[in-house]
Amino acid sequence: MNDDVTQYINNIAPWQIGVCEKLRAMVHETVPTVEERLQYGKPHFLKNGNFAAVIAVSRDKVSFMVFNATDIPVVKGFIRALGKGERKAVDIEEGQDVDYTRLAEILEKTTVAL
């Protein structure tokens, strides 16, 4: 695990720390060979040098975005499309239940070919 990513996570709101730590652990469990780094001011996760996911924190939410997600359907209220649909994001707010198993399944689908 990357120290810069750890410092990033440790300097956000307490509820966001919990979400980010769970997302980070889920990414490492789902993609054991993942490499992480702080890039563009956000934690990025790469597999074989290719972007796999990113965590972005704003004042009121944590966003988890996956790349190579053209085949992942948009689900209103759960996952939205970014760009031309090649990226998908889930927005998590304070107190919200998060289905980390479902996110892991999506991440597994989007990283299998990397």
PDB file of N, CA and C in Angstrom:
ATOM      1  N   MET A   1       0.839  -1.183   0.000  1.00  0.00           N
ATOM      2  CA  MET A   1       0.000   0.000   0.000  1.00  0.00           C
ATOM      3  C   MET A   1       0.887   1.249   0.000  1.00  0.00           C
ATOM      4  N   ASN A   2       0.418   2.263  -0.667  1.00  0.00           N
ATOM      5  CA  ASN A   2       1.170   3.481  -0.878  1.00  0.00           C
ATOM      6  C   ASN A   2       0.969   4.451   0.290  1.00  0.00           C
ATOM      7  N   ASP A   3       2.055   4.975   0.847  1.00  0.00           N
ATOM      8  CA  ASP A   3       1.979   5.902   1.984  1.00  0.00           C
ATOM      9  C   ASP A   3       1.240   7.193   1.641  1.00  0.00           C
ATOM     10  N   ASP A   4       1.379   7.673   0.406  1.00  0.00           N
ATOM     11  CA  ASP A   4       0.671   8.888   0.007  1.00  0.00           C
ATOM     12  C   ASP A   4      -0.841   8.672   0.031  1.00  0.00           C
ATOM     13  N   VAL A   5      -1.278   7.493  -0.382  1.00  0.00           N
ATOM     14  CA  VAL A   5      -2.706   7.165  -0.357  1.00  0.00           C
ATOM     15  C   VAL A   5      -3.180   7.071   1.093  1.00  0.00           C
ATOM     16  N   THR A   6      -2.379   6.469   1.944  1.00  0.00           N
ATOM     17  CA  THR A   6      -2.726   6.368   3.367  1.00  0.00           C
ATOM     18  C   THR A   6      -2.873   7.757   3.978  1.00  0.00           C
ATOM     19  N   GLN A   7      -1.940   8.661   3.692  1.00  0.00           N
ATOM     20  CA  GLN A   7      -2.014  10.023   4.218  1.00  0.00           C
ATOM     21  C   GLN A   7      -3.253  10.752   3.700  1.00  0.00           C
ATOM     22  N   TYR A   8      -3.569  10.560   2.429  1.00  0.00           N
ATOM     23  CA  TYR A   8      -4.775  11.164   1.844  1.00  0.00           C
ATOM     24  C   TYR A   8      -6.001  10.714   2.627  1.00  0.00           C
ATOM     25  N   ILE A   9      -6.116   9.416   2.841  1.00  0.00           N
ATOM     26  CA  ILE A   9      -7.284   8.866   3.532  1.00  0.00           C
ATOM     27  C   ILE A   9      -7.337   9.363   4.974  1.00  0.00           C
ATOM     28  N   ASN A  10      -6.207   9.456   5.629  1.00  0.00           N
ATOM     29  CA  ASN A  10      -6.190   9.865   7.029  1.00  0.00           C
ATOM     30  C   ASN A  10      -6.500  11.344   7.244  1.00  0.00           C
ATOM     31  N   ASN A  11      -6.571  12.126   6.172  1.00  0.00           N
ATOM     32  CA  ASN A  11      -6.821  13.558   6.293  1.00  0.00           C
ATOM     33  C   ASN A  11      -8.194  13.996   5.791  1.00  0.00           C
ATOM     34  N   ILE A  12      -9.152  13.078   5.790  1.00  0.00           N
ATOM     35  CA  ILE A  12     -10.510  13.419   5.367  1.00  0.00           C
ATOM     36  C   ILE A  12     -11.456  13.221   6.552  1.00  0.00           C
ATOM     37  N   ALA A  13     -12.726  13.494   6.371  1.00  0.00           N
ATOM     38  CA  ALA A  13     -13.718  13.370   7.449  1.00  0.00           C
ATOM     39  C   ALA A  13     -13.765  11.935   7.971  1.00  0.00           C
ATOM     40  N   PRO A  14     -14.011  11.764   9.263  1.00  0.00           N
ATOM     41  CA  PRO A  14     -14.016  10.418   9.844  1.00  0.00           C
ATOM     42  C   PRO A  14     -14.931   9.416   9.126  1.00  0.00           C
ATOM     43  N   TRP A  15     -16.133   9.825   8.738  1.00  0.00           N
ATOM     44  CA  TRP A  15     -17.016   8.872   8.060  1.00  0.00           C
ATOM     45  C   TRP A  15     -16.439   8.485   6.695  1.00  0.00           C
ATOM     46  N   GLN A  16     -15.747   9.431   6.038  1.00  0.00           N
ATOM     47  CA  GLN A  16     -15.146   9.155   4.738  1.00  0.00           C
ATOM     48  C   GLN A  16     -13.940   8.235   4.874  1.00  0.00           C
ATOM     49  N   ILE A  17     -13.209   8.364   5.988  1.00  0.00           N
ATOM     50  CA  ILE A  17     -12.072   7.465   6.225  1.00  0.00           C
ATOM     51  C   ILE A  17     -12.550   6.022   6.217  1.00  0.00           C
ATOM     52  N   GLY A  18     -13.636   5.743   6.943  1.00  0.00           N
ATOM     53  CA  GLY A  18     -14.169   4.383   6.995  1.00  0.00           C
ATOM     54  C   GLY A  18     -14.548   3.849   5.628  1.00  0.00           C
ATOM     55  N   VAL A  19     -15.230   4.665   4.842  1.00  0.00           N
ATOM     56  CA  VAL A  19     -15.639   4.256   3.491  1.00  0.00           C
ATOM     57  C   VAL A  19     -14.406   4.012   2.621  1.00  0.00           C
ATOM     58  N   CYS A  20     -13.456   4.936   2.641  1.00  0.00           N
ATOM     59  CA  CYS A  20     -12.262   4.800   1.802  1.00  0.00           C
ATOM     60  C   CYS A  20     -11.425   3.584   2.189  1.00  0.00           C
ATOM     61  N   GLU A  21     -11.302   3.322   3.490  1.00  0.00           N
ATOM     62  CA  GLU A  21     -10.550   2.145   3.917  1.00  0.00           C
ATOM     63  C   GLU A  21     -11.220   0.861   3.435  1.00  0.00           C
ATOM     64  N   LYS A  22     -12.547   0.821   3.487  1.00  0.00           N
ATOM     65  CA  LYS A  22     -13.272  -0.368   3.005  1.00  0.00           C
ATOM     66  C   LYS A  22     -13.138  -0.512   1.487  1.00  0.00           C
ATOM     67  N   LEU A  23     -13.239   0.608   0.766  1.00  0.00           N
ATOM     68  CA  LEU A  23     -13.062   0.559  -0.690  1.00  0.00           C
ATOM     69  C   LEU A  23     -11.649   0.099  -1.043  1.00  0.00           C
ATOM     70  N   ARG A  24     -10.671   0.631  -0.358  1.00  0.00           N
ATOM     71  CA  ARG A  24      -9.269   0.272  -0.614  1.00  0.00           C
ATOM     72  C   ARG A  24      -9.044  -1.212  -0.367  1.00  0.00           C
ATOM     73  N   ALA A  25      -9.543  -1.723   0.743  1.00  0.00           N
ATOM     74  CA  ALA A  25      -9.402  -3.152   1.045  1.00  0.00           C
ATOM     75  C   ALA A  25     -10.122  -3.996   0.004  1.00  0.00           C
ATOM     76  N   MET A  26     -11.310  -3.565  -0.424  1.00  0.00           N
ATOM     77  CA  MET A  26     -12.076  -4.285  -1.437  1.00  0.00           C
ATOM     78  C   MET A  26     -11.299  -4.340  -2.750  1.00  0.00           C
ATOM     79  N   VAL A  27     -10.681  -3.229  -3.145  1.00  0.00           N
ATOM     80  CA  VAL A  27      -9.895  -3.202  -4.382  1.00  0.00           C
ATOM     81  C   VAL A  27      -8.740  -4.192  -4.287  1.00  0.00           C
ATOM     82  N   HIS A  28      -8.024  -4.190  -3.189  1.00  0.00           N
ATOM     83  CA  HIS A  28      -6.869  -5.089  -3.031  1.00  0.00           C
ATOM     84  C   HIS A  28      -7.293  -6.556  -2.975  1.00  0.00           C
ATOM     85  N   GLU A  29      -8.443  -6.839  -2.392  1.00  0.00           N
ATOM     86  CA  GLU A  29      -8.944  -8.217  -2.354  1.00  0.00           C
ATOM     87  C   GLU A  29      -9.406  -8.676  -3.732  1.00  0.00           C
ATOM     88  N   THR A  30     -10.026  -7.776  -4.471  1.00  0.00           N
ATOM     89  CA  THR A  30     -10.580  -8.118  -5.785  1.00  0.00           C
ATOM     90  C   THR A  30      -9.497  -8.210  -6.850  1.00  0.00           C
ATOM     91  N   VAL A  31      -8.510  -7.329  -6.780  1.00  0.00           N
ATOM     92  CA  VAL A  31      -7.427  -7.272  -7.768  1.00  0.00           C
ATOM     93  C   VAL A  31      -6.100  -7.366  -7.005  1.00  0.00           C
ATOM     94  N   PRO A  32      -5.685  -8.582  -6.642  1.00  0.00           N
ATOM     95  CA  PRO A  32      -4.501  -8.746  -5.789  1.00  0.00           C
ATOM     96  C   PRO A  32      -3.224  -8.115  -6.333  1.00  0.00           C
ATOM     97  N   THR A  33      -3.107  -7.969  -7.641  1.00  0.00           N
ATOM     98  CA  THR A  33      -1.893  -7.406  -8.231  1.00  0.00           C
ATOM     99  C   THR A  33      -1.974  -5.887  -8.415  1.00  0.00           C
ATOM    100  N   VAL A  34      -3.010  -5.259  -7.875  1.00  0.00           N
ATOM    101  CA  VAL A  34      -3.218  -3.829  -8.081  1.00  0.00           C
ATOM    102  C   VAL A  34      -2.070  -3.013  -7.476  1.00  0.00           C
ATOM    103  N   GLU A  35      -1.766  -1.935  -8.160  1.00  0.00           N
ATOM    104  CA  GLU A  35      -0.777  -0.965  -7.681  1.00  0.00           C
ATOM    105  C   GLU A  35      -1.554   0.309  -7.375  1.00  0.00           C
ATOM    106  N   GLU A  36      -1.230   0.969  -6.292  1.00  0.00           N
ATOM    107  CA  GLU A  36      -1.937   2.205  -5.968  1.00  0.00           C
ATOM    108  C   GLU A  36      -0.961   3.366  -5.905  1.00  0.00           C
ATOM    109  N   ARG A  37      -1.494   4.552  -6.262  1.00  0.00           N
ATOM    110  CA  ARG A  37      -0.679   5.760  -6.177  1.00  0.00           C
ATOM    111  C   ARG A  37      -1.604   6.964  -6.106  1.00  0.00           C
ATOM    112  N   LEU A  38      -1.073   8.029  -5.557  1.00  0.00           N
ATOM    113  CA  LEU A  38      -1.801   9.283  -5.523  1.00  0.00           C
ATOM    114  C   LEU A  38      -1.475  10.013  -6.821  1.00  0.00           C
ATOM    115  N   GLN A  39      -2.498  10.252  -7.613  1.00  0.00           N
ATOM    116  CA  GLN A  39      -2.314  10.909  -8.903  1.00  0.00           C
ATOM    117  C   GLN A  39      -3.461  11.894  -9.095  1.00  0.00           C
ATOM    118  N   TYR A  40      -3.164  13.071  -9.599  1.00  0.00           N
ATOM    119  CA  TYR A  40      -4.165  14.123  -9.747  1.00  0.00           C
ATOM    120  C   TYR A  40      -4.847  14.413  -8.415  1.00  0.00           C
ATOM    121  N   GLY A  41      -4.129  14.202  -7.304  1.00  0.00           N
ATOM    122  CA  GLY A  41      -4.648  14.483  -5.979  1.00  0.00           C
ATOM    123  C   GLY A  41      -5.626  13.461  -5.435  1.00  0.00           C
ATOM    124  N   LYS A  42      -5.746  12.311  -6.096  1.00  0.00           N
ATOM    125  CA  LYS A  42      -6.698  11.279  -5.678  1.00  0.00           C
ATOM    126  C   LYS A  42      -6.043   9.899  -5.719  1.00  0.00           C
ATOM    127  N   PRO A  43      -6.506   8.975  -4.872  1.00  0.00           N
ATOM    128  CA  PRO A  43      -6.005   7.601  -4.929  1.00  0.00           C
ATOM    129  C   PRO A  43      -6.452   6.904  -6.219  1.00  0.00           C
ATOM    130  N   HIS A  44      -5.481   6.442  -6.979  1.00  0.00           N
ATOM    131  CA  HIS A  44      -5.737   5.688  -8.210  1.00  0.00           C
ATOM    132  C   HIS A  44      -5.218   4.265  -8.026  1.00  0.00           C
ATOM    133  N   PHE A  45      -5.914   3.324  -8.646  1.00  0.00           N
ATOM    134  CA  PHE A  45      -5.532   1.921  -8.591  1.00  0.00           C
ATOM    135  C   PHE A  45      -5.306   1.439 -10.015  1.00  0.00           C
ATOM    136  N   LEU A  46      -4.142   0.806 -10.240  1.00  0.00           N
ATOM    137  CA  LEU A  46      -3.762   0.361 -11.579  1.00  0.00           C
ATOM    138  C   LEU A  46      -3.487  -1.138 -11.587  1.00  0.00           C
ATOM    139  N   LYS A  47      -3.839  -1.758 -12.690  1.00  0.00           N
ATOM    140  CA  LYS A  47      -3.505  -3.166 -12.916  1.00  0.00           C
ATOM    141  C   LYS A  47      -2.712  -3.229 -14.209  1.00  0.00           C
ATOM    142  N   ASN A  48      -1.514  -3.785 -14.125  1.00  0.00           N
ATOM    143  CA  ASN A  48      -0.633  -3.881 -15.297  1.00  0.00           C
ATOM    144  C   ASN A  48      -0.426  -2.520 -15.963  1.00  0.00           C
ATOM    145  N   GLY A  49      -0.342  -1.470 -15.149  1.00  0.00           N
ATOM    146  CA  GLY A  49      -0.103  -0.126 -15.662  1.00  0.00           C
ATOM    147  C   GLY A  49      -1.328   0.576 -16.211  1.00  0.00           C
ATOM    148  N   ASN A  50      -2.488  -0.069 -16.171  1.00  0.00           N
ATOM    149  CA  ASN A  50      -3.730   0.502 -16.691  1.00  0.00           C
ATOM    150  C   ASN A  50      -4.639   0.930 -15.546  1.00  0.00           C
ATOM    151  N   PHE A  51      -5.294   2.069 -15.706  1.00  0.00           N
ATOM    152  CA  PHE A  51      -6.210   2.541 -14.681  1.00  0.00           C
ATOM    153  C   PHE A  51      -7.340   1.541 -14.476  1.00  0.00           C
ATOM    154  N   ALA A  52      -7.586   1.201 -13.219  1.00  0.00           N
ATOM    155  CA  ALA A  52      -8.669   0.284 -12.868  1.00  0.00           C
ATOM    156  C   ALA A  52      -9.765   1.011 -12.091  1.00  0.00           C
ATOM    157  N   ALA A  53      -9.362   1.856 -11.126  1.00  0.00           N
ATOM    158  CA  ALA A  53     -10.344   2.553 -10.291  1.00  0.00           C
ATOM    159  C   ALA A  53      -9.717   3.789  -9.659  1.00  0.00           C
ATOM    160  N   VAL A  54     -10.576   4.657  -9.164  1.00  0.00           N
ATOM    161  CA  VAL A  54     -10.128   5.856  -8.453  1.00  0.00           C
ATOM    162  C   VAL A  54     -11.153   6.190  -7.372  1.00  0.00           C
ATOM    163  N   ILE A  55     -10.652   6.717  -6.278  1.00  0.00           N
ATOM    164  CA  ILE A  55     -11.511   7.221  -5.210  1.00  0.00           C
ATOM    165  C   ILE A  55     -11.390   8.740  -5.223  1.00  0.00           C
ATOM    166  N   ALA A  56     -12.524   9.416  -5.227  1.00  0.00           N
ATOM    167  CA  ALA A  56     -12.544  10.879  -5.186  1.00  0.00           C
ATOM    168  C   ALA A  56     -13.427  11.310  -4.025  1.00  0.00           C
ATOM    169  N   VAL A  57     -12.897  12.175  -3.179  1.00  0.00           N
ATOM    170  CA  VAL A  57     -13.626  12.630  -2.002  1.00  0.00           C
ATOM    171  C   VAL A  57     -13.970  14.099  -2.158  1.00  0.00           C
ATOM    172  N   SER A  58     -15.230  14.428  -1.923  1.00  0.00           N
ATOM    173  CA  SER A  58     -15.651  15.825  -1.871  1.00  0.00           C
ATOM    174  C   SER A  58     -16.254  16.061  -0.483  1.00  0.00           C
ATOM    175  N   ARG A  59     -16.721  17.239  -0.245  1.00  0.00           N
ATOM    176  CA  ARG A  59     -17.202  17.588   1.093  1.00  0.00           C
ATOM    177  C   ARG A  59     -18.307  16.660   1.600  1.00  0.00           C
ATOM    178  N   ASP A  60     -19.215  16.262   0.713  1.00  0.00           N
ATOM    179  CA  ASP A  60     -20.386  15.511   1.170  1.00  0.00           C
ATOM    180  C   ASP A  60     -20.497  14.089   0.626  1.00  0.00           C
ATOM    181  N   LYS A  61     -19.468  13.613  -0.089  1.00  0.00           N
ATOM    182  CA  LYS A  61     -19.557  12.251  -0.621  1.00  0.00           C
ATOM    183  C   LYS A  61     -18.188  11.676  -0.918  1.00  0.00           C
ATOM    184  N   VAL A  62     -18.193  10.372  -1.143  1.00  0.00           N
ATOM    185  CA  VAL A  62     -17.034   9.638  -1.655  1.00  0.00           C
ATOM    186  C   VAL A  62     -17.492   9.011  -2.960  1.00  0.00           C
ATOM    187  N   SER A  63     -16.751   9.233  -4.026  1.00  0.00           N
ATOM    188  CA  SER A  63     -17.076   8.624  -5.315  1.00  0.00           C
ATOM    189  C   SER A  63     -16.052   7.537  -5.616  1.00  0.00           C
ATOM    190  N   PHE A  64     -16.563   6.411  -6.073  1.00  0.00           N
ATOM    191  CA  PHE A  64     -15.707   5.303  -6.489  1.00  0.00           C
ATOM    192  C   PHE A  64     -15.963   5.083  -7.968  1.00  0.00           C
ATOM    193  N   MET A  65     -14.917   5.292  -8.776  1.00  0.00           N
ATOM    194  CA  MET A  65     -15.070   5.184 -10.223  1.00  0.00           C
ATOM    195  C   MET A  65     -14.239   4.028 -10.754  1.00  0.00           C
ATOM    196  N   VAL A  66     -14.831   3.272 -11.677  1.00  0.00           N
ATOM    197  CA  VAL A  66     -14.108   2.203 -12.363  1.00  0.00           C
ATOM    198  C   VAL A  66     -13.949   2.581 -13.833  1.00  0.00           C
ATOM    199  N   PHE A  67     -12.867   2.119 -14.413  1.00  0.00           N
ATOM    200  CA  PHE A  67     -12.558   2.351 -15.824  1.00  0.00           C
ATOM    201  C   PHE A  67     -12.920   1.094 -16.621  1.00  0.00           C
ATOM    202  N   ASN A  68     -12.886   1.189 -17.935  1.00  0.00           N
ATOM    203  CA  ASN A  68     -13.168   0.050 -18.820  1.00  0.00           C
ATOM    204  C   ASN A  68     -14.548  -0.527 -18.547  1.00  0.00           C
ATOM    205  N   ALA A  69     -15.517   0.350 -18.285  1.00  0.00           N
ATOM    206  CA  ALA A  69     -16.834  -0.076 -17.815  1.00  0.00           C
ATOM    207  C   ALA A  69     -17.941   0.075 -18.856  1.00  0.00           C
ATOM    208  N   THR A  70     -17.579   0.064 -20.121  1.00  0.00           N
ATOM    209  CA  THR A  70     -18.575   0.220 -21.179  1.00  0.00           C
ATOM    210  C   THR A  70     -19.699  -0.804 -21.058  1.00  0.00           C
ATOM    211  N   ASP A  71     -19.375  -2.031 -20.661  1.00  0.00           N
ATOM    212  CA  ASP A  71     -20.374  -3.104 -20.576  1.00  0.00           C
ATOM    213  C   ASP A  71     -21.128  -3.132 -19.245  1.00  0.00           C
ATOM    214  N   ILE A  72     -20.818  -2.238 -18.338  1.00  0.00           N
ATOM    215  CA  ILE A  72     -21.520  -2.180 -17.055  1.00  0.00           C
ATOM    216  C   ILE A  72     -22.730  -1.258 -17.231  1.00  0.00           C
ATOM    217  N   PRO A  73     -23.931  -1.771 -16.996  1.00  0.00           N
ATOM    218  CA  PRO A  73     -25.118  -0.930 -17.193  1.00  0.00           C
ATOM    219  C   PRO A  73     -25.271   0.127 -16.104  1.00  0.00           C
ATOM    220  N   VAL A  74     -25.811   1.265 -16.487  1.00  0.00           N
ATOM    221  CA  VAL A  74     -26.160   2.314 -15.544  1.00  0.00           C
ATOM    222  C   VAL A  74     -27.365   1.828 -14.741  1.00  0.00           C
ATOM    223  N   VAL A  75     -27.335   2.052 -13.445  1.00  0.00           N
ATOM    224  CA  VAL A  75     -28.466   1.704 -12.582  1.00  0.00           C
ATOM    225  C   VAL A  75     -28.826   2.964 -11.808  1.00  0.00           C
ATOM    226  N   LYS A  76     -29.979   3.535 -12.113  1.00  0.00           N
ATOM    227  CA  LYS A  76     -30.386   4.791 -11.487  1.00  0.00           C
ATOM    228  C   LYS A  76     -30.357   4.652  -9.969  1.00  0.00           C
ATOM    229  N   GLY A  77     -29.744   5.620  -9.324  1.00  0.00           N
ATOM    230  CA  GLY A  77     -29.627   5.621  -7.880  1.00  0.00           C
ATOM    231  C   GLY A  77     -28.480   4.784  -7.342  1.00  0.00           C
ATOM    232  N   PHE A  78     -27.739   4.107  -8.251  1.00  0.00           N
ATOM    233  CA  PHE A  78     -26.603   3.303  -7.803  1.00  0.00           C
ATOM    234  C   PHE A  78     -25.318   3.654  -8.542  1.00  0.00           C
ATOM    235  N   ILE A  79     -25.323   3.495  -9.873  1.00  0.00           N
ATOM    236  CA  ILE A  79     -24.094   3.705 -10.645  1.00  0.00           C
ATOM    237  C   ILE A  79     -24.415   4.543 -11.873  1.00  0.00           C
ATOM    238  N   ARG A  80     -23.586   5.554 -12.094  1.00  0.00           N
ATOM    239  CA  ARG A  80     -23.811   6.486 -13.208  1.00  0.00           C
ATOM    240  C   ARG A  80     -22.656   6.425 -14.194  1.00  0.00           C
ATOM    241  N   ALA A  81     -22.928   6.858 -15.415  1.00  0.00           N
ATOM    242  CA  ALA A  81     -21.910   6.863 -16.464  1.00  0.00           C
ATOM    243  C   ALA A  81     -21.173   8.191 -16.474  1.00  0.00           C
ATOM    244  N   LEU A  82     -19.900   8.117 -16.837  1.00  0.00           N
ATOM    245  CA  LEU A  82     -19.065   9.298 -17.023  1.00  0.00           C
ATOM    246  C   LEU A  82     -18.435   9.206 -18.399  1.00  0.00           C
ATOM    247  N   GLY A  83     -18.097  10.356 -18.957  1.00  0.00           N
ATOM    248  CA  GLY A  83     -17.503  10.345 -20.291  1.00  0.00           C
ATOM    249  C   GLY A  83     -18.494   9.779 -21.282  1.00  0.00           C
ATOM    250  N   LYS A  84     -18.020   8.872 -22.090  1.00  0.00           N
ATOM    251  CA  LYS A  84     -18.879   8.218 -23.087  1.00  0.00           C
ATOM    252  C   LYS A  84     -19.359   6.859 -22.582  1.00  0.00           C
ATOM    253  N   GLY A  85     -19.329   6.680 -21.266  1.00  0.00           N
ATOM    254  CA  GLY A  85     -19.788   5.432 -20.670  1.00  0.00           C
ATOM    255  C   GLY A  85     -18.679   4.449 -20.382  1.00  0.00           C
ATOM    256  N   GLU A  86     -17.442   4.814 -20.734  1.00  0.00           N
ATOM    257  CA  GLU A  86     -16.314   3.918 -20.482  1.00  0.00           C
ATOM    258  C   GLU A  86     -15.901   3.942 -19.012  1.00  0.00           C
ATOM    259  N   ARG A  87     -16.419   4.925 -18.274  1.00  0.00           N
ATOM    260  CA  ARG A  87     -16.193   5.008 -16.831  1.00  0.00           C
ATOM    261  C   ARG A  87     -17.553   5.044 -16.145  1.00  0.00           C
ATOM    262  N   LYS A  88     -17.622   4.391 -14.995  1.00  0.00           N
ATOM    263  CA  LYS A  88     -18.854   4.402 -14.204  1.00  0.00           C
ATOM    264  C   LYS A  88     -18.482   4.759 -12.773  1.00  0.00           C
ATOM    265  N   ALA A  89     -19.387   5.456 -12.086  1.00  0.00           N
ATOM    266  CA  ALA A  89     -19.101   5.904 -10.724  1.00  0.00           C
ATOM    267  C   ALA A  89     -20.275   5.655  -9.796  1.00  0.00           C
ATOM    268  N   VAL A  90     -19.925   5.343  -8.558  1.00  0.00           N
ATOM    269  CA  VAL A  90     -20.888   5.199  -7.479  1.00  0.00           C
ATOM    270  C   VAL A  90     -20.589   6.298  -6.471  1.00  0.00           C
ATOM    271  N   ASP A  91     -21.614   7.039  -6.079  1.00  0.00           N
ATOM    272  CA  ASP A  91     -21.461   8.098  -5.092  1.00  0.00           C
ATOM    273  C   ASP A  91     -21.996   7.610  -3.751  1.00  0.00           C
ATOM    274  N   ILE A  92     -21.195   7.771  -2.719  1.00  0.00           N
ATOM    275  CA  ILE A  92     -21.536   7.291  -1.382  1.00  0.00           C
ATOM    276  C   ILE A  92     -21.612   8.483  -0.442  1.00  0.00           C
ATOM    277  N   GLU A  93     -22.745   8.617   0.247  1.00  0.00           N
ATOM    278  CA  GLU A  93     -22.937   9.699   1.195  1.00  0.00           C
ATOM    279  C   GLU A  93     -22.896   9.168   2.627  1.00  0.00           C
ATOM    280  N   GLU A  94     -22.719  10.065   3.562  1.00  0.00           N
ATOM    281  CA  GLU A  94     -22.623   9.686   4.971  1.00  0.00           C
ATOM    282  C   GLU A  94     -23.853   8.899   5.411  1.00  0.00           C
ATOM    283  N   GLY A  95     -23.620   7.784   6.094  1.00  0.00           N
ATOM    284  CA  GLY A  95     -24.697   6.958   6.615  1.00  0.00           C
ATOM    285  C   GLY A  95     -25.309   5.995   5.621  1.00  0.00           C
ATOM    286  N   GLN A  96     -24.903   6.062   4.383  1.00  0.00           N
ATOM    287  CA  GLN A  96     -25.459   5.206   3.335  1.00  0.00           C
ATOM    288  C   GLN A  96     -24.902   3.793   3.462  1.00  0.00           C
ATOM    289  N   ASP A  97     -25.766   2.803   3.271  1.00  0.00           N
ATOM    290  CA  ASP A  97     -25.303   1.421   3.207  1.00  0.00           C
ATOM    291  C   ASP A  97     -24.607   1.217   1.871  1.00  0.00           C
ATOM    292  N   VAL A  98     -23.481   0.540   1.901  1.00  0.00           N
ATOM    293  CA  VAL A  98     -22.687   0.315   0.694  1.00  0.00           C
ATOM    294  C   VAL A  98     -22.596  -1.183   0.445  1.00  0.00           C
ATOM    295  N   ASP A  99     -22.929  -1.594  -0.766  1.00  0.00           N
ATOM    296  CA  ASP A  99     -22.833  -3.009  -1.143  1.00  0.00           C
ATOM    297  C   ASP A  99     -21.444  -3.244  -1.741  1.00  0.00           C
ATOM    298  N   TYR A 100     -20.474  -3.486  -0.859  1.00  0.00           N
ATOM    299  CA  TYR A 100     -19.090  -3.683  -1.302  1.00  0.00           C
ATOM    300  C   TYR A 100     -18.942  -4.945  -2.151  1.00  0.00           C
ATOM    301  N   THR A 101     -19.785  -5.934  -1.904  1.00  0.00           N
ATOM    302  CA  THR A 101     -19.748  -7.160  -2.715  1.00  0.00           C
ATOM    303  C   THR A 101     -20.126  -6.843  -4.151  1.00  0.00           C
ATOM    304  N   ARG A 102     -21.145  -6.047  -4.327  1.00  0.00           N
ATOM    305  CA  ARG A 102     -21.580  -5.657  -5.672  1.00  0.00           C
ATOM    306  C   ARG A 102     -20.510  -4.815  -6.361  1.00  0.00           C
ATOM    307  N   LEU A 103     -19.895  -3.906  -5.609  1.00  0.00           N
ATOM    308  CA  LEU A 103     -18.814  -3.100  -6.188  1.00  0.00           C
ATOM    309  C   LEU A 103     -17.631  -3.977  -6.585  1.00  0.00           C
ATOM    310  N   ALA A 104     -17.327  -4.976  -5.779  1.00  0.00           N
ATOM    311  CA  ALA A 104     -16.236  -5.905  -6.108  1.00  0.00           C
ATOM    312  C   ALA A 104     -16.545  -6.673  -7.381  1.00  0.00           C
ATOM    313  N   GLU A 105     -17.790  -7.088  -7.550  1.00  0.00           N
ATOM    314  CA  GLU A 105     -18.175  -7.806  -8.775  1.00  0.00           C
ATOM    315  C   GLU A 105     -17.997  -6.920 -10.002  1.00  0.00           C
ATOM    316  N   ILE A 106     -18.378  -5.649  -9.878  1.00  0.00           N
ATOM    317  CA  ILE A 106     -18.201  -4.706 -10.988  1.00  0.00           C
ATOM    318  C   ILE A 106     -16.720  -4.518 -11.278  1.00  0.00           C
ATOM    319  N   LEU A 107     -15.917  -4.309 -10.236  1.00  0.00           N
ATOM    320  CA  LEU A 107     -14.490  -4.111 -10.412  1.00  0.00           C
ATOM    321  C   LEU A 107     -13.843  -5.342 -11.050  1.00  0.00           C
ATOM    322  N   GLU A 108     -14.264  -6.501 -10.637  1.00  0.00           N
ATOM    323  CA  GLU A 108     -13.706  -7.737 -11.215  1.00  0.00           C
ATOM    324  C   GLU A 108     -13.995  -7.806 -12.720  1.00  0.00           C
ATOM    325  N   LYS A 109     -15.216  -7.457 -13.112  1.00  0.00           N
ATOM    326  CA  LYS A 109     -15.594  -7.471 -14.532  1.00  0.00           C
ATOM    327  C   LYS A 109     -14.782  -6.461 -15.350  1.00  0.00           C
ATOM    328  N   THR A 110     -14.539  -5.281 -14.744  1.00  0.00           N
ATOM    329  CA  THR A 110     -13.866  -4.226 -15.498  1.00  0.00           C
ATOM    330  C   THR A 110     -12.344  -4.389 -15.547  1.00  0.00           C
ATOM    331  N   THR A 111     -11.804  -5.243 -14.698  1.00  0.00           N
ATOM    332  CA  THR A 111     -10.332  -5.410 -14.662  1.00  0.00           C
ATOM    333  C   THR A 111      -9.860  -6.729 -15.228  1.00  0.00           C
ATOM    334  N   VAL A 112     -10.766  -7.639 -15.530  1.00  0.00           N
ATOM    335  CA  VAL A 112     -10.342  -8.970 -15.964  1.00  0.00           C
ATOM    336  C   VAL A 112      -9.461  -8.923 -17.211  1.00  0.00           C
ATOM    337  N   ALA A 113      -9.706  -7.995 -18.118  1.00  0.00           N
ATOM    338  CA  ALA A 113      -8.947  -7.953 -19.377  1.00  0.00           C
ATOM    339  C   ALA A 113      -7.693  -7.074 -19.285  1.00  0.00           C
ATOM    340  N   LEU A 114      -7.445  -6.451 -18.156  1.00  0.00           N
ATOM    341  CA  LEU A 114      -6.277  -5.566 -18.044  1.00  0.00           C
ATOM    342  C   LEU A 114      -4.999  -6.357 -17.877  1.00  0.00           C
TER     343      LEU A 114
END
